[in-house]
């Protein structure tokens, strides 16, 4: 049970870091879209 919890925690950390990278790229694209919409209007 403890091993499963440890593996789950490790996977959790991996998923968090992966999600953070994904969020960063999404924020970059959102920023780009915002600039494009500003120039279009």
PDB file of N, CA and C in Angstrom:
ATOM      1  N   UNK A   1       0.840  -1.205   0.000  1.00  0.00           N
ATOM      2  CA  UNK A   1       0.000   0.000   0.000  1.00  0.00           C
ATOM      3  C   UNK A   1       0.873   1.252   0.000  1.00  0.00           C
ATOM      4  N   UNK A   2       1.932   1.200   0.771  1.00  0.00           N
ATOM      5  CA  UNK A   2       2.813   2.370   0.844  1.00  0.00           C
ATOM      6  C   UNK A   2       3.520   2.593  -0.494  1.00  0.00           C
ATOM      7  N   UNK A   3       3.888   1.479  -1.145  1.00  0.00           N
ATOM      8  CA  UNK A   3       4.567   1.596  -2.440  1.00  0.00           C
ATOM      9  C   UNK A   3       3.631   2.231  -3.467  1.00  0.00           C
ATOM     10  N   UNK A   4       2.380   1.809  -3.441  1.00  0.00           N
ATOM     11  CA  UNK A   4       1.402   2.372  -4.377  1.00  0.00           C
ATOM     12  C   UNK A   4       1.249   3.871  -4.131  1.00  0.00           C
ATOM     13  N   UNK A   5       1.207   4.249  -2.864  1.00  0.00           N
ATOM     14  CA  UNK A   5       1.067   5.663  -2.521  1.00  0.00           C
ATOM     15  C   UNK A   5       2.285   6.438  -3.024  1.00  0.00           C
ATOM     16  N   UNK A   6       3.466   5.839  -2.882  1.00  0.00           N
ATOM     17  CA  UNK A   6       4.686   6.510  -3.333  1.00  0.00           C
ATOM     18  C   UNK A   6       4.662   6.689  -4.846  1.00  0.00           C
ATOM     19  N   UNK A   7       4.286   5.619  -5.560  1.00  0.00           N
ATOM     20  CA  UNK A   7       4.206   5.708  -7.021  1.00  0.00           C
ATOM     21  C   UNK A   7       3.164   6.736  -7.435  1.00  0.00           C
ATOM     22  N   UNK A   8       2.050   6.765  -6.726  1.00  0.00           N
ATOM     23  CA  UNK A   8       1.013   7.738  -7.039  1.00  0.00           C
ATOM     24  C   UNK A   8       1.512   9.158  -6.841  1.00  0.00           C
ATOM     25  N   UNK A   9       2.284   9.364  -5.770  1.00  0.00           N
ATOM     26  CA  UNK A   9       2.820  10.690  -5.493  1.00  0.00           C
ATOM     27  C   UNK A   9       3.797  11.107  -6.587  1.00  0.00           C
ATOM     28  N   UNK A  10       4.630  10.152  -7.017  1.00  0.00           N
ATOM     29  CA  UNK A  10       5.606  10.453  -8.061  1.00  0.00           C
ATOM     30  C   UNK A  10       4.893  10.790  -9.367  1.00  0.00           C
ATOM     31  N   UNK A  11       3.888   9.984  -9.702  1.00  0.00           N
ATOM     32  CA  UNK A  11       3.114  10.251 -10.919  1.00  0.00           C
ATOM     33  C   UNK A  11       2.410  11.595 -10.809  1.00  0.00           C
ATOM     34  N   UNK A  12       1.952  11.910  -9.598  1.00  0.00           N
ATOM     35  CA  UNK A  12       1.256  13.175  -9.358  1.00  0.00           C
ATOM     36  C   UNK A  12       2.189  14.347  -9.633  1.00  0.00           C
ATOM     37  N   UNK A  13       3.440  14.229  -9.147  1.00  0.00           N
ATOM     38  CA  UNK A  13       4.413  15.303  -9.384  1.00  0.00           C
ATOM     39  C   UNK A  13       4.702  15.432 -10.873  1.00  0.00           C
ATOM     40  N   UNK A  14       4.837  14.284 -11.556  1.00  0.00           N
ATOM     41  CA  UNK A  14       5.099  14.320 -12.996  1.00  0.00           C
ATOM     42  C   UNK A  14       3.953  15.016 -13.729  1.00  0.00           C
ATOM     43  N   UNK A  15       2.719  14.645 -13.360  1.00  0.00           N
ATOM     44  CA  UNK A  15       1.560  15.218 -14.046  1.00  0.00           C
ATOM     45  C   UNK A  15       1.461  16.715 -13.756  1.00  0.00           C
ATOM     46  N   UNK A  16       1.833  17.122 -12.552  1.00  0.00           N
ATOM     47  CA  UNK A  16       1.790  18.550 -12.203  1.00  0.00           C
ATOM     48  C   UNK A  16       2.782  19.328 -13.065  1.00  0.00           C
ATOM     49  N   UNK A  17       4.022  18.825 -13.178  1.00  0.00           N
ATOM     50  CA  UNK A  17       5.028  19.529 -13.971  1.00  0.00           C
ATOM     51  C   UNK A  17       4.618  19.557 -15.439  1.00  0.00           C
ATOM     52  N   UNK A  18       4.058  18.454 -15.920  1.00  0.00           N
ATOM     53  CA  UNK A  18       3.612  18.410 -17.316  1.00  0.00           C
ATOM     54  C   UNK A  18       2.471  19.390 -17.528  1.00  0.00           C
ATOM     55  N   UNK A  19       1.569  19.460 -16.548  1.00  0.00           N
ATOM     56  CA  UNK A  19       0.426  20.369 -16.660  1.00  0.00           C
ATOM     57  C   UNK A  19       0.906  21.816 -16.627  1.00  0.00           C
ATOM     58  N   UNK A  20       1.927  22.099 -15.805  1.00  0.00           N
ATOM     59  CA  UNK A  20       2.453  23.466 -15.736  1.00  0.00           C
ATOM     60  C   UNK A  20       3.041  23.870 -17.082  1.00  0.00           C
ATOM     61  N   UNK A  21       3.784  22.956 -17.722  1.00  0.00           N
ATOM     62  CA  UNK A  21       4.354  23.266 -19.032  1.00  0.00           C
ATOM     63  C   UNK A  21       3.240  23.510 -20.035  1.00  0.00           C
ATOM     64  N   UNK A  22       2.183  22.690 -19.961  1.00  0.00           N
ATOM     65  CA  UNK A  22       1.050  22.845 -20.866  1.00  0.00           C
ATOM     66  C   UNK A  22       0.375  24.192 -20.633  1.00  0.00           C
ATOM     67  N   UNK A  23       0.215  24.557 -19.366  1.00  0.00           N
ATOM     68  CA  UNK A  23      -0.419  25.834 -19.033  1.00  0.00           C
ATOM     69  C   UNK A  23       0.416  26.995 -19.554  1.00  0.00           C
ATOM     70  N   UNK A  24       1.751  26.876 -19.448  1.00  0.00           N
ATOM     71  CA  UNK A  24       2.618  27.949 -19.924  1.00  0.00           C
ATOM     72  C   UNK A  24       2.437  28.148 -21.417  1.00  0.00           C
ATOM     73  N   UNK A  25       2.408  27.047 -22.174  1.00  0.00           N
ATOM     74  CA  UNK A  25       2.241  27.165 -23.622  1.00  0.00           C
ATOM     75  C   UNK A  25       0.859  27.707 -23.953  1.00  0.00           C
ATOM     76  N   UNK A  26      -0.155  27.310 -23.175  1.00  0.00           N
ATOM     77  CA  UNK A  26      -1.505  27.824 -23.401  1.00  0.00           C
ATOM     78  C   UNK A  26      -1.550  29.323 -23.120  1.00  0.00           C
ATOM     79  N   UNK A  27      -0.886  29.762 -22.054  1.00  0.00           N
ATOM     80  CA  UNK A  27      -0.874  31.189 -21.725  1.00  0.00           C
ATOM     81  C   UNK A  27      -0.176  31.974 -22.828  1.00  0.00           C
ATOM     82  N   UNK A  28       0.889  31.400 -23.398  1.00  0.00           N
ATOM     83  CA  UNK A  28       1.590  32.073 -24.481  1.00  0.00           C
ATOM     84  C   UNK A  28       0.654  32.251 -25.675  1.00  0.00           C
ATOM     85  N   UNK A  29      -0.073  31.190 -26.025  1.00  0.00           N
ATOM     86  CA  UNK A  29      -0.988  31.277 -27.166  1.00  0.00           C
ATOM     87  C   UNK A  29      -2.127  32.248 -26.863  1.00  0.00           C
ATOM     88  N   UNK A  30      -2.593  32.256 -25.604  1.00  0.00           N
ATOM     89  CA  UNK A  30      -3.651  33.198 -25.226  1.00  0.00           C
ATOM     90  C   UNK A  30      -3.150  34.630 -25.368  1.00  0.00           C
ATOM     91  N   UNK A  31      -1.923  34.864 -24.945  1.00  0.00           N
ATOM     92  CA  UNK A  31      -1.337  36.199 -25.051  1.00  0.00           C
ATOM     93  C   UNK A  31      -1.238  36.611 -26.518  1.00  0.00           C
ATOM     94  N   UNK A  32      -0.828  35.675 -27.356  1.00  0.00           N
ATOM     95  CA  UNK A  32      -0.723  35.959 -28.788  1.00  0.00           C
ATOM     96  C   UNK A  32      -2.088  36.276 -29.372  1.00  0.00           C
ATOM     97  N   UNK A  33      -3.095  35.475 -28.985  1.00  0.00           N
ATOM     98  CA  UNK A  33      -4.453  35.720 -29.488  1.00  0.00           C
ATOM     99  C   UNK A  33      -4.952  37.090 -29.041  1.00  0.00           C
ATOM    100  N   UNK A  34      -4.620  37.464 -27.802  1.00  0.00           N
ATOM    101  CA  UNK A  34      -5.066  38.754 -27.279  1.00  0.00           C
ATOM    102  C   UNK A  34      -4.451  39.886 -28.098  1.00  0.00           C
ATOM    103  N   UNK A  35      -3.156  39.768 -28.405  1.00  0.00           N
ATOM    104  CA  UNK A  35      -2.490  40.809 -29.194  1.00  0.00           C
ATOM    105  C   UNK A  35      -3.091  40.881 -30.591  1.00  0.00           C
ATOM    106  N   UNK A  36      -3.385  39.699 -31.164  1.00  0.00           N
ATOM    107  CA  UNK A  36      -3.968  39.678 -32.506  1.00  0.00           C
ATOM    108  C   UNK A  36      -5.331  40.347 -32.506  1.00  0.00           C
ATOM    109  N   UNK A  37      -6.140  40.051 -31.494  1.00  0.00           N
ATOM    110  CA  UNK A  37      -7.483  40.643 -31.432  1.00  0.00           C
ATOM    111  C   UNK A  37      -7.374  42.155 -31.234  1.00  0.00           C
ATOM    112  N   UNK A  38      -6.364  42.600 -30.491  1.00  0.00           N
ATOM    113  CA  UNK A  38      -6.185  44.038 -30.277  1.00  0.00           C
ATOM    114  C   UNK A  38      -5.822  44.721 -31.590  1.00  0.00           C
ATOM    115  N   UNK A  39      -4.954  44.100 -32.373  1.00  0.00           N
ATOM    116  CA  UNK A  39      -4.547  44.706 -33.638  1.00  0.00           C
ATOM    117  C   UNK A  39      -5.677  44.628 -34.657  1.00  0.00           C
ATOM    118  N   UNK A  40      -6.497  43.577 -34.583  1.00  0.00           N
ATOM    119  CA  UNK A  40      -7.619  43.447 -35.525  1.00  0.00           C
ATOM    120  C   UNK A  40      -8.675  44.506 -35.259  1.00  0.00           C
ATOM    121  N   UNK A  41      -8.948  44.801 -34.004  1.00  0.00           N
ATOM    122  CA  UNK A  41      -9.956  45.803 -33.665  1.00  0.00           C
ATOM    123  C   UNK A  41      -9.308  47.183 -33.723  1.00  0.00           C
TER     124      UNK A  41
END
